[in-house]
Amino acid sequence: MNDEQEGSGGMEGTITVKEEYVLEGELPGRKSPGWRVPLSTSVGIGWLIFVIIWLFFYAGDYNGYQNLGIVLLSILVVALILGTAWATHALRNMTILEEVMMEIGGFKARLIASIIVPFGLMIFLVLWLFFYAVDFDIYQNIAINIVSILVMVGILGVVWKSWGWKQGGSFNQWK
C-alpha cells in the first residue's frame, strides 16, 4: 500500500496509519485559513507601526535595555495573537496521523510545555531587560541571556528525550 498517493486536486489520496486502517478519498480537515491571513497581515503592519511610533516618540524616555524589553514584549504579544489564531486552524486541520500522534501518552503535555517554556523565557527576558539589565554590563547581560536560553533548551531536551525513549520505536511501523 502507498503511504500517500496524491490525486488530481492535491487533497485526495490514501493514508495508511496502520496496515489495517486505510482512509481513501478526500483527506479530512482541509479547511481554508479564512480570516487568519488578513489577521496576520494586519497584526504585522500594526506591529511595524507600533515599533516606528515607539522609536520616534517614546524610546528616548527609556534606556537601551528597556527599549529592547518593550520591543521583545511587543513580539510576545504578536506571537500570542497569531499563535492562537493559527493553532486553532492547525488543530482543526489535523490529519489522521496527527490525531493519532496527539493521543499517544504524554505527547500533549510535552507539546504544551514546548509552548509555555519559550514564552516563560521571553517573559523572563522582558522583565530582566526592563528592571535589572541596567545594573549589569553588556557581557553579564549576554551571559544571562545565554544561560537562560540554555536552561530552556535543557528543560525541553529532557522533556522530549524521555518521551522519545518511551515512544521512539512505535513510529517505525509508519515508515
N, C-alpha and C. Protein backbone atom coordinates (compact mmCIF):
# COMPACT_ATOMS: atom_id res chain seq x y z
N MET A 1 0.84 -1.19 0.00
CA MET A 1 0.00 0.00 0.00
C MET A 1 0.87 1.24 0.00
N ASN A 2 0.39 2.31 -0.61
CA ASN A 2 1.13 3.57 -0.62
C ASN A 2 0.86 4.34 0.67
N ASP A 3 1.90 4.99 1.20
CA ASP A 3 1.68 5.81 2.38
C ASP A 3 0.83 7.02 2.04
N GLU A 4 1.12 7.62 0.91
CA GLU A 4 0.30 8.73 0.46
C GLU A 4 0.35 8.78 -1.05
N GLN A 5 -0.80 8.95 -1.66
CA GLN A 5 -0.89 8.95 -3.11
C GLN A 5 -1.73 10.15 -3.49
N GLU A 6 -1.12 11.12 -4.16
CA GLU A 6 -1.85 12.34 -4.47
C GLU A 6 -2.78 12.13 -5.64
N GLY A 7 -3.95 12.77 -5.53
CA GLY A 7 -4.92 12.75 -6.62
C GLY A 7 -4.78 14.01 -7.44
N SER A 8 -5.72 14.25 -8.32
CA SER A 8 -5.63 15.39 -9.22
C SER A 8 -5.77 16.72 -8.50
N GLY A 9 -6.54 16.77 -7.41
CA GLY A 9 -6.75 18.02 -6.70
C GLY A 9 -5.71 18.30 -5.65
N GLY A 10 -4.81 17.37 -5.37
CA GLY A 10 -3.80 17.58 -4.36
C GLY A 10 -4.30 17.30 -2.96
N MET A 11 -5.60 17.16 -2.78
CA MET A 11 -6.16 16.91 -1.46
C MET A 11 -6.74 15.51 -1.36
N GLU A 12 -6.68 14.77 -2.42
CA GLU A 12 -7.19 13.41 -2.38
C GLU A 12 -6.03 12.45 -2.28
N GLY A 13 -6.27 11.28 -1.75
CA GLY A 13 -5.20 10.30 -1.66
C GLY A 13 -5.54 9.21 -0.67
N THR A 14 -4.55 8.44 -0.33
CA THR A 14 -4.70 7.34 0.60
C THR A 14 -3.67 7.50 1.70
N ILE A 15 -4.10 7.38 2.93
CA ILE A 15 -3.19 7.42 4.06
C ILE A 15 -3.31 6.08 4.78
N THR A 16 -2.19 5.45 5.04
CA THR A 16 -2.18 4.22 5.81
C THR A 16 -1.57 4.54 7.16
N VAL A 17 -2.38 4.50 8.21
CA VAL A 17 -1.88 4.77 9.55
C VAL A 17 -1.29 3.48 10.12
N LYS A 18 -2.00 2.42 10.01
CA LYS A 18 -1.54 1.08 10.36
C LYS A 18 -1.97 0.19 9.22
N GLU A 19 -1.45 -0.97 9.13
CA GLU A 19 -1.78 -1.84 8.00
C GLU A 19 -3.29 -2.07 7.87
N GLU A 20 -4.01 -2.13 9.00
CA GLU A 20 -5.43 -2.44 8.90
C GLU A 20 -6.31 -1.20 8.79
N TYR A 21 -5.74 -0.01 8.86
CA TYR A 21 -6.54 1.21 8.83
C TYR A 21 -6.15 2.05 7.63
N VAL A 22 -7.04 2.15 6.65
CA VAL A 22 -6.77 2.91 5.43
C VAL A 22 -7.90 3.90 5.23
N LEU A 23 -7.54 5.13 4.94
CA LEU A 23 -8.53 6.15 4.62
C LEU A 23 -8.32 6.54 3.17
N GLU A 24 -9.36 6.43 2.38
CA GLU A 24 -9.24 6.78 0.96
C GLU A 24 -10.16 7.94 0.65
N GLY A 25 -9.83 8.67 -0.42
CA GLY A 25 -10.66 9.77 -0.87
C GLY A 25 -10.17 11.09 -0.32
N GLU A 26 -11.09 11.99 -0.06
CA GLU A 26 -10.78 13.34 0.41
C GLU A 26 -10.10 13.26 1.77
N LEU A 27 -8.97 13.94 1.91
CA LEU A 27 -8.28 13.98 3.18
C LEU A 27 -9.06 14.89 4.13
N PRO A 28 -9.24 14.48 5.38
CA PRO A 28 -10.11 15.20 6.30
C PRO A 28 -9.50 16.52 6.79
N GLY A 29 -10.36 17.44 7.16
CA GLY A 29 -9.96 18.63 7.87
C GLY A 29 -9.20 19.66 7.08
N ARG A 30 -9.27 19.66 5.80
CA ARG A 30 -8.55 20.66 5.00
C ARG A 30 -9.46 21.85 4.75
N LYS A 31 -9.42 22.79 5.67
CA LYS A 31 -10.26 23.97 5.56
C LYS A 31 -9.39 25.18 5.26
N SER A 32 -9.98 26.16 4.64
CA SER A 32 -9.29 27.40 4.30
C SER A 32 -8.88 28.14 5.58
N PRO A 33 -7.73 28.80 5.55
CA PRO A 33 -7.33 29.57 6.73
C PRO A 33 -8.22 30.78 6.97
N GLY A 34 -9.01 31.17 5.98
CA GLY A 34 -10.01 32.22 6.14
C GLY A 34 -9.47 33.53 6.68
N TRP A 35 -10.00 33.97 7.81
CA TRP A 35 -9.70 35.27 8.40
C TRP A 35 -8.29 35.35 8.97
N ARG A 36 -7.59 34.24 9.08
CA ARG A 36 -6.25 34.26 9.70
C ARG A 36 -5.21 34.97 8.83
N VAL A 37 -5.37 34.91 7.53
CA VAL A 37 -4.42 35.57 6.63
C VAL A 37 -4.52 37.09 6.76
N PRO A 38 -5.72 37.69 6.65
CA PRO A 38 -5.78 39.14 6.86
C PRO A 38 -5.41 39.55 8.28
N LEU A 39 -5.72 38.69 9.27
CA LEU A 39 -5.31 38.99 10.64
C LEU A 39 -3.79 39.05 10.73
N SER A 40 -3.11 38.09 10.13
CA SER A 40 -1.64 38.06 10.15
C SER A 40 -1.06 39.31 9.50
N THR A 41 -1.62 39.69 8.38
CA THR A 41 -1.15 40.89 7.69
C THR A 41 -1.40 42.13 8.55
N SER A 42 -2.59 42.25 9.10
CA SER A 42 -2.94 43.41 9.93
C SER A 42 -2.07 43.50 11.17
N VAL A 43 -1.85 42.37 11.83
CA VAL A 43 -1.03 42.37 13.04
C VAL A 43 0.42 42.73 12.69
N GLY A 44 0.92 42.20 11.57
CA GLY A 44 2.29 42.53 11.15
C GLY A 44 2.45 44.01 10.86
N ILE A 45 1.51 44.58 10.15
CA ILE A 45 1.56 46.02 9.85
C ILE A 45 1.38 46.83 11.12
N GLY A 46 0.46 46.41 11.97
CA GLY A 46 0.25 47.10 13.24
C GLY A 46 1.49 47.07 14.12
N TRP A 47 2.18 45.92 14.14
CA TRP A 47 3.40 45.82 14.93
C TRP A 47 4.47 46.77 14.40
N LEU A 48 4.62 46.82 13.08
CA LEU A 48 5.59 47.73 12.47
C LEU A 48 5.28 49.18 12.81
N ILE A 49 4.02 49.57 12.73
CA ILE A 49 3.61 50.93 13.08
C ILE A 49 3.92 51.21 14.55
N PHE A 50 3.62 50.25 15.43
CA PHE A 50 3.92 50.41 16.85
C PHE A 50 5.40 50.65 17.08
N VAL A 51 6.24 49.83 16.47
CA VAL A 51 7.69 49.96 16.67
C VAL A 51 8.19 51.31 16.17
N ILE A 52 7.70 51.74 15.01
CA ILE A 52 8.13 53.04 14.47
C ILE A 52 7.69 54.18 15.39
N ILE A 53 6.44 54.16 15.82
CA ILE A 53 5.94 55.20 16.73
C ILE A 53 6.71 55.16 18.04
N TRP A 54 6.96 53.96 18.57
CA TRP A 54 7.71 53.83 19.82
C TRP A 54 9.10 54.44 19.67
N LEU A 55 9.79 54.09 18.60
CA LEU A 55 11.15 54.59 18.42
C LEU A 55 11.19 56.10 18.24
N PHE A 56 10.22 56.67 17.53
CA PHE A 56 10.22 58.10 17.28
C PHE A 56 9.82 58.93 18.51
N PHE A 57 8.81 58.47 19.24
CA PHE A 57 8.23 59.33 20.27
C PHE A 57 8.49 58.91 21.72
N TYR A 58 8.75 57.65 21.98
CA TYR A 58 8.82 57.20 23.37
C TYR A 58 10.17 56.60 23.78
N ALA A 59 10.95 56.13 22.85
CA ALA A 59 12.20 55.42 23.17
C ALA A 59 13.18 56.29 23.95
N GLY A 60 13.18 57.59 23.74
CA GLY A 60 14.10 58.48 24.43
C GLY A 60 13.92 58.53 25.93
N ASP A 61 12.73 58.15 26.40
CA ASP A 61 12.45 58.18 27.85
C ASP A 61 12.97 56.94 28.57
N TYR A 62 13.48 55.97 27.83
CA TYR A 62 13.94 54.70 28.42
C TYR A 62 15.36 54.42 27.97
N ASN A 63 16.06 53.57 28.74
CA ASN A 63 17.42 53.20 28.32
C ASN A 63 17.34 52.10 27.25
N GLY A 64 18.47 51.76 26.67
CA GLY A 64 18.50 50.79 25.58
C GLY A 64 17.95 49.43 25.96
N TYR A 65 18.27 48.96 27.18
CA TYR A 65 17.77 47.66 27.62
C TYR A 65 16.25 47.68 27.76
N GLN A 66 15.71 48.76 28.31
CA GLN A 66 14.26 48.85 28.47
C GLN A 66 13.56 48.91 27.11
N ASN A 67 14.16 49.63 26.17
CA ASN A 67 13.59 49.67 24.83
C ASN A 67 13.61 48.29 24.18
N LEU A 68 14.69 47.57 24.37
CA LEU A 68 14.76 46.20 23.86
C LEU A 68 13.70 45.32 24.52
N GLY A 69 13.49 45.52 25.81
CA GLY A 69 12.44 44.78 26.53
C GLY A 69 11.06 45.09 25.99
N ILE A 70 10.80 46.35 25.67
CA ILE A 70 9.50 46.75 25.11
C ILE A 70 9.29 46.10 23.74
N VAL A 71 10.31 46.13 22.91
CA VAL A 71 10.20 45.51 21.58
C VAL A 71 9.97 44.00 21.72
N LEU A 72 10.71 43.37 22.64
CA LEU A 72 10.53 41.93 22.88
C LEU A 72 9.12 41.64 23.40
N LEU A 73 8.60 42.50 24.26
CA LEU A 73 7.23 42.33 24.75
C LEU A 73 6.22 42.46 23.61
N SER A 74 6.46 43.40 22.70
CA SER A 74 5.55 43.54 21.56
C SER A 74 5.59 42.31 20.67
N ILE A 75 6.77 41.71 20.51
CA ILE A 75 6.89 40.47 19.73
C ILE A 75 6.14 39.35 20.44
N LEU A 76 6.21 39.32 21.76
CA LEU A 76 5.48 38.31 22.54
C LEU A 76 3.98 38.45 22.34
N VAL A 77 3.47 39.67 22.33
CA VAL A 77 2.04 39.90 22.12
C VAL A 77 1.63 39.46 20.71
N VAL A 78 2.45 39.79 19.71
CA VAL A 78 2.17 39.36 18.34
C VAL A 78 2.15 37.83 18.26
N ALA A 79 3.11 37.18 18.91
CA ALA A 79 3.18 35.72 18.90
C ALA A 79 1.95 35.11 19.58
N LEU A 80 1.48 35.71 20.64
CA LEU A 80 0.27 35.20 21.30
C LEU A 80 -0.95 35.32 20.39
N ILE A 81 -1.11 36.47 19.76
CA ILE A 81 -2.28 36.69 18.89
C ILE A 81 -2.24 35.73 17.70
N LEU A 82 -1.11 35.73 16.97
CA LEU A 82 -1.04 34.90 15.77
C LEU A 82 -0.92 33.41 16.11
N GLY A 83 -0.21 33.10 17.19
CA GLY A 83 -0.09 31.70 17.59
C GLY A 83 -1.43 31.09 17.93
N THR A 84 -2.26 31.85 18.64
CA THR A 84 -3.59 31.36 18.99
C THR A 84 -4.44 31.16 17.74
N ALA A 85 -4.41 32.14 16.85
CA ALA A 85 -5.22 32.04 15.62
C ALA A 85 -4.79 30.85 14.77
N TRP A 86 -3.51 30.69 14.55
CA TRP A 86 -3.04 29.62 13.66
C TRP A 86 -3.05 28.25 14.35
N ALA A 87 -2.92 28.22 15.67
CA ALA A 87 -3.00 26.93 16.37
C ALA A 87 -4.41 26.36 16.28
N THR A 88 -5.42 27.22 16.40
CA THR A 88 -6.79 26.71 16.26
C THR A 88 -7.03 26.17 14.86
N HIS A 89 -6.46 26.83 13.86
CA HIS A 89 -6.58 26.34 12.49
C HIS A 89 -5.88 25.00 12.33
N ALA A 90 -4.69 24.89 12.88
CA ALA A 90 -3.93 23.64 12.77
C ALA A 90 -4.64 22.49 13.48
N LEU A 91 -5.22 22.77 14.65
CA LEU A 91 -5.92 21.72 15.38
C LEU A 91 -7.17 21.24 14.64
N ARG A 92 -7.81 22.14 13.91
CA ARG A 92 -9.00 21.76 13.14
C ARG A 92 -8.65 21.06 11.83
N ASN A 93 -7.41 21.14 11.41
CA ASN A 93 -6.99 20.58 10.13
C ASN A 93 -6.00 19.43 10.28
N MET A 94 -6.06 18.76 11.39
CA MET A 94 -5.12 17.65 11.59
C MET A 94 -5.47 16.46 10.71
N THR A 95 -4.44 15.80 10.24
CA THR A 95 -4.64 14.54 9.52
C THR A 95 -4.87 13.44 10.55
N ILE A 96 -5.26 12.28 10.08
CA ILE A 96 -5.48 11.16 10.99
C ILE A 96 -4.19 10.79 11.71
N LEU A 97 -3.09 10.82 10.99
CA LEU A 97 -1.80 10.51 11.61
C LEU A 97 -1.49 11.49 12.73
N GLU A 98 -1.77 12.77 12.53
CA GLU A 98 -1.55 13.76 13.58
C GLU A 98 -2.51 13.56 14.75
N GLU A 99 -3.74 13.16 14.47
CA GLU A 99 -4.68 12.87 15.55
C GLU A 99 -4.22 11.69 16.38
N VAL A 100 -3.70 10.67 15.70
CA VAL A 100 -3.16 9.51 16.41
C VAL A 100 -1.98 9.94 17.29
N MET A 101 -1.12 10.78 16.75
CA MET A 101 0.04 11.27 17.48
C MET A 101 -0.39 12.02 18.75
N MET A 102 -1.46 12.81 18.66
CA MET A 102 -1.93 13.57 19.82
C MET A 102 -2.46 12.66 20.92
N GLU A 103 -2.89 11.46 20.56
CA GLU A 103 -3.43 10.54 21.56
C GLU A 103 -2.36 9.68 22.23
N ILE A 104 -1.14 9.73 21.74
CA ILE A 104 -0.07 8.94 22.35
C ILE A 104 0.27 9.56 23.69
N GLY A 105 0.42 8.71 24.68
CA GLY A 105 0.65 9.15 26.05
C GLY A 105 1.76 10.17 26.22
N GLY A 106 1.44 11.29 26.82
CA GLY A 106 2.41 12.32 27.14
C GLY A 106 2.71 13.31 26.03
N PHE A 107 2.21 13.10 24.83
CA PHE A 107 2.53 13.99 23.72
C PHE A 107 1.93 15.38 23.93
N LYS A 108 0.65 15.44 24.33
CA LYS A 108 0.01 16.74 24.51
C LYS A 108 0.71 17.57 25.58
N ALA A 109 1.06 16.92 26.69
CA ALA A 109 1.74 17.64 27.77
C ALA A 109 3.08 18.20 27.30
N ARG A 110 3.80 17.43 26.52
CA ARG A 110 5.09 17.90 26.01
C ARG A 110 4.91 19.01 24.98
N LEU A 111 3.86 18.91 24.19
CA LEU A 111 3.56 19.95 23.22
C LEU A 111 3.24 21.26 23.94
N ILE A 112 2.44 21.18 24.99
CA ILE A 112 2.10 22.36 25.78
C ILE A 112 3.35 22.93 26.45
N ALA A 113 4.20 22.05 26.98
CA ALA A 113 5.46 22.52 27.59
C ALA A 113 6.34 23.21 26.56
N SER A 114 6.31 22.74 25.33
CA SER A 114 7.12 23.34 24.26
C SER A 114 6.61 24.72 23.87
N ILE A 115 5.40 25.04 24.26
CA ILE A 115 4.86 26.38 24.03
C ILE A 115 5.10 27.26 25.25
N ILE A 116 4.83 26.73 26.43
CA ILE A 116 4.92 27.52 27.66
C ILE A 116 6.35 27.88 28.03
N VAL A 117 7.28 26.95 27.90
CA VAL A 117 8.66 27.22 28.32
C VAL A 117 9.29 28.37 27.52
N PRO A 118 9.21 28.39 26.18
CA PRO A 118 9.76 29.56 25.47
C PRO A 118 9.05 30.88 25.81
N PHE A 119 7.73 30.83 26.02
CA PHE A 119 7.03 32.04 26.42
C PHE A 119 7.49 32.48 27.80
N GLY A 120 7.72 31.53 28.69
CA GLY A 120 8.27 31.85 30.01
C GLY A 120 9.64 32.50 29.90
N LEU A 121 10.47 31.99 29.00
CA LEU A 121 11.79 32.58 28.77
C LEU A 121 11.64 34.02 28.28
N MET A 122 10.73 34.25 27.33
CA MET A 122 10.55 35.61 26.82
C MET A 122 10.05 36.56 27.90
N ILE A 123 9.15 36.10 28.75
CA ILE A 123 8.67 36.93 29.86
C ILE A 123 9.81 37.24 30.82
N PHE A 124 10.63 36.23 31.13
CA PHE A 124 11.80 36.46 31.98
C PHE A 124 12.73 37.50 31.36
N LEU A 125 13.00 37.37 30.06
CA LEU A 125 13.91 38.31 29.40
C LEU A 125 13.33 39.72 29.37
N VAL A 126 12.02 39.86 29.16
CA VAL A 126 11.40 41.18 29.18
C VAL A 126 11.57 41.82 30.57
N LEU A 127 11.28 41.04 31.61
CA LEU A 127 11.42 41.57 32.97
C LEU A 127 12.87 41.89 33.29
N TRP A 128 13.78 41.01 32.88
CA TRP A 128 15.20 41.23 33.11
C TRP A 128 15.66 42.52 32.41
N LEU A 129 15.32 42.66 31.15
CA LEU A 129 15.76 43.83 30.40
C LEU A 129 15.17 45.12 30.94
N PHE A 130 13.93 45.07 31.36
CA PHE A 130 13.26 46.30 31.79
C PHE A 130 13.69 46.73 33.19
N PHE A 131 13.87 45.77 34.10
CA PHE A 131 14.12 46.14 35.50
C PHE A 131 15.55 45.92 36.00
N TYR A 132 16.28 44.95 35.47
CA TYR A 132 17.55 44.58 36.07
C TYR A 132 18.78 44.77 35.17
N ALA A 133 18.63 44.75 33.87
CA ALA A 133 19.78 44.72 32.96
C ALA A 133 20.68 45.95 33.10
N VAL A 134 20.12 47.08 33.45
CA VAL A 134 20.91 48.31 33.53
C VAL A 134 21.97 48.23 34.63
N ASP A 135 21.78 47.39 35.63
CA ASP A 135 22.74 47.25 36.73
C ASP A 135 23.93 46.37 36.37
N PHE A 136 23.92 45.77 35.19
CA PHE A 136 24.98 44.86 34.76
C PHE A 136 25.59 45.37 33.45
N ASP A 137 26.83 44.97 33.19
CA ASP A 137 27.44 45.40 31.93
C ASP A 137 26.97 44.50 30.79
N ILE A 138 27.36 44.85 29.58
CA ILE A 138 26.88 44.16 28.38
C ILE A 138 27.25 42.68 28.39
N TYR A 139 28.44 42.35 28.88
CA TYR A 139 28.89 40.95 28.88
C TYR A 139 28.10 40.12 29.90
N GLN A 140 27.80 40.71 31.03
CA GLN A 140 26.98 40.00 32.01
C GLN A 140 25.56 39.78 31.48
N ASN A 141 25.03 40.76 30.78
CA ASN A 141 23.69 40.60 30.20
C ASN A 141 23.68 39.55 29.10
N ILE A 142 24.74 39.52 28.30
CA ILE A 142 24.84 38.47 27.28
C ILE A 142 24.90 37.10 27.96
N ALA A 143 25.68 37.00 29.04
CA ALA A 143 25.78 35.73 29.78
C ALA A 143 24.43 35.31 30.34
N ILE A 144 23.67 36.25 30.90
CA ILE A 144 22.33 35.94 31.43
C ILE A 144 21.43 35.42 30.32
N ASN A 145 21.49 36.06 29.16
CA ASN A 145 20.66 35.61 28.03
C ASN A 145 21.07 34.22 27.56
N ILE A 146 22.36 33.97 27.45
CA ILE A 146 22.83 32.66 27.01
C ILE A 146 22.44 31.58 28.01
N VAL A 147 22.65 31.85 29.29
CA VAL A 147 22.30 30.86 30.32
C VAL A 147 20.80 30.59 30.33
N SER A 148 19.98 31.63 30.20
CA SER A 148 18.53 31.41 30.21
C SER A 148 18.08 30.60 28.99
N ILE A 149 18.70 30.84 27.84
CA ILE A 149 18.38 30.04 26.65
C ILE A 149 18.82 28.59 26.84
N LEU A 150 20.00 28.40 27.43
CA LEU A 150 20.48 27.03 27.68
C LEU A 150 19.57 26.30 28.67
N VAL A 151 19.06 27.01 29.67
CA VAL A 151 18.12 26.39 30.62
C VAL A 151 16.86 25.95 29.88
N MET A 152 16.33 26.81 29.00
CA MET A 152 15.15 26.46 28.22
C MET A 152 15.41 25.23 27.35
N VAL A 153 16.54 25.23 26.65
CA VAL A 153 16.88 24.10 25.78
C VAL A 153 17.05 22.83 26.62
N GLY A 154 17.67 22.96 27.79
CA GLY A 154 17.84 21.80 28.67
C GLY A 154 16.52 21.23 29.14
N ILE A 155 15.61 22.11 29.55
CA ILE A 155 14.29 21.65 30.01
C ILE A 155 13.56 20.93 28.88
N LEU A 156 13.52 21.55 27.70
CA LEU A 156 12.81 20.92 26.58
C LEU A 156 13.52 19.65 26.12
N GLY A 157 14.83 19.63 26.18
CA GLY A 157 15.57 18.42 25.82
C GLY A 157 15.22 17.26 26.72
N VAL A 158 15.17 17.50 28.02
CA VAL A 158 14.83 16.44 28.97
C VAL A 158 13.39 15.99 28.77
N VAL A 159 12.49 16.96 28.56
CA VAL A 159 11.07 16.62 28.37
C VAL A 159 10.89 15.73 27.15
N TRP A 160 11.50 16.08 26.03
CA TRP A 160 11.30 15.33 24.79
C TRP A 160 12.15 14.07 24.72
N LYS A 161 13.32 14.07 25.32
CA LYS A 161 14.16 12.88 25.27
C LYS A 161 13.50 11.73 26.02
N SER A 162 12.93 12.01 27.18
CA SER A 162 12.26 10.95 27.93
C SER A 162 11.09 10.38 27.13
N TRP A 163 10.37 11.22 26.42
CA TRP A 163 9.27 10.74 25.60
C TRP A 163 9.80 9.93 24.43
N GLY A 164 10.89 10.38 23.84
CA GLY A 164 11.50 9.65 22.72
C GLY A 164 11.97 8.27 23.12
N TRP A 165 12.52 8.15 24.33
CA TRP A 165 12.95 6.83 24.80
C TRP A 165 11.76 5.89 24.94
N LYS A 166 10.63 6.43 25.42
CA LYS A 166 9.44 5.59 25.61
C LYS A 166 8.71 5.29 24.31
N GLN A 167 8.61 6.27 23.42
CA GLN A 167 7.74 6.16 22.26
C GLN A 167 8.48 6.00 20.93
N GLY A 168 9.78 6.21 20.90
CA GLY A 168 10.53 6.24 19.65
C GLY A 168 10.32 5.04 18.75
N GLY A 169 10.34 3.85 19.28
CA GLY A 169 10.21 2.66 18.47
C GLY A 169 8.83 2.45 17.87
N SER A 170 7.80 3.07 18.48
CA SER A 170 6.45 2.86 18.00
C SER A 170 6.18 3.54 16.66
N PHE A 171 7.07 4.44 16.22
CA PHE A 171 6.86 5.14 14.95
C PHE A 171 7.51 4.41 13.78
N ASN A 172 8.27 3.38 14.05
CA ASN A 172 8.91 2.63 12.97
C ASN A 172 7.88 1.96 12.06
N GLN A 173 6.70 1.64 12.60
CA GLN A 173 5.68 0.98 11.78
C GLN A 173 5.09 1.91 10.74
N TRP A 174 5.29 3.23 10.84
CA TRP A 174 4.70 4.17 9.91
C TRP A 174 5.65 4.58 8.80
N LYS A 175 6.84 4.03 8.77
CA LYS A 175 7.81 4.39 7.72
C LYS A 175 7.49 3.72 6.42
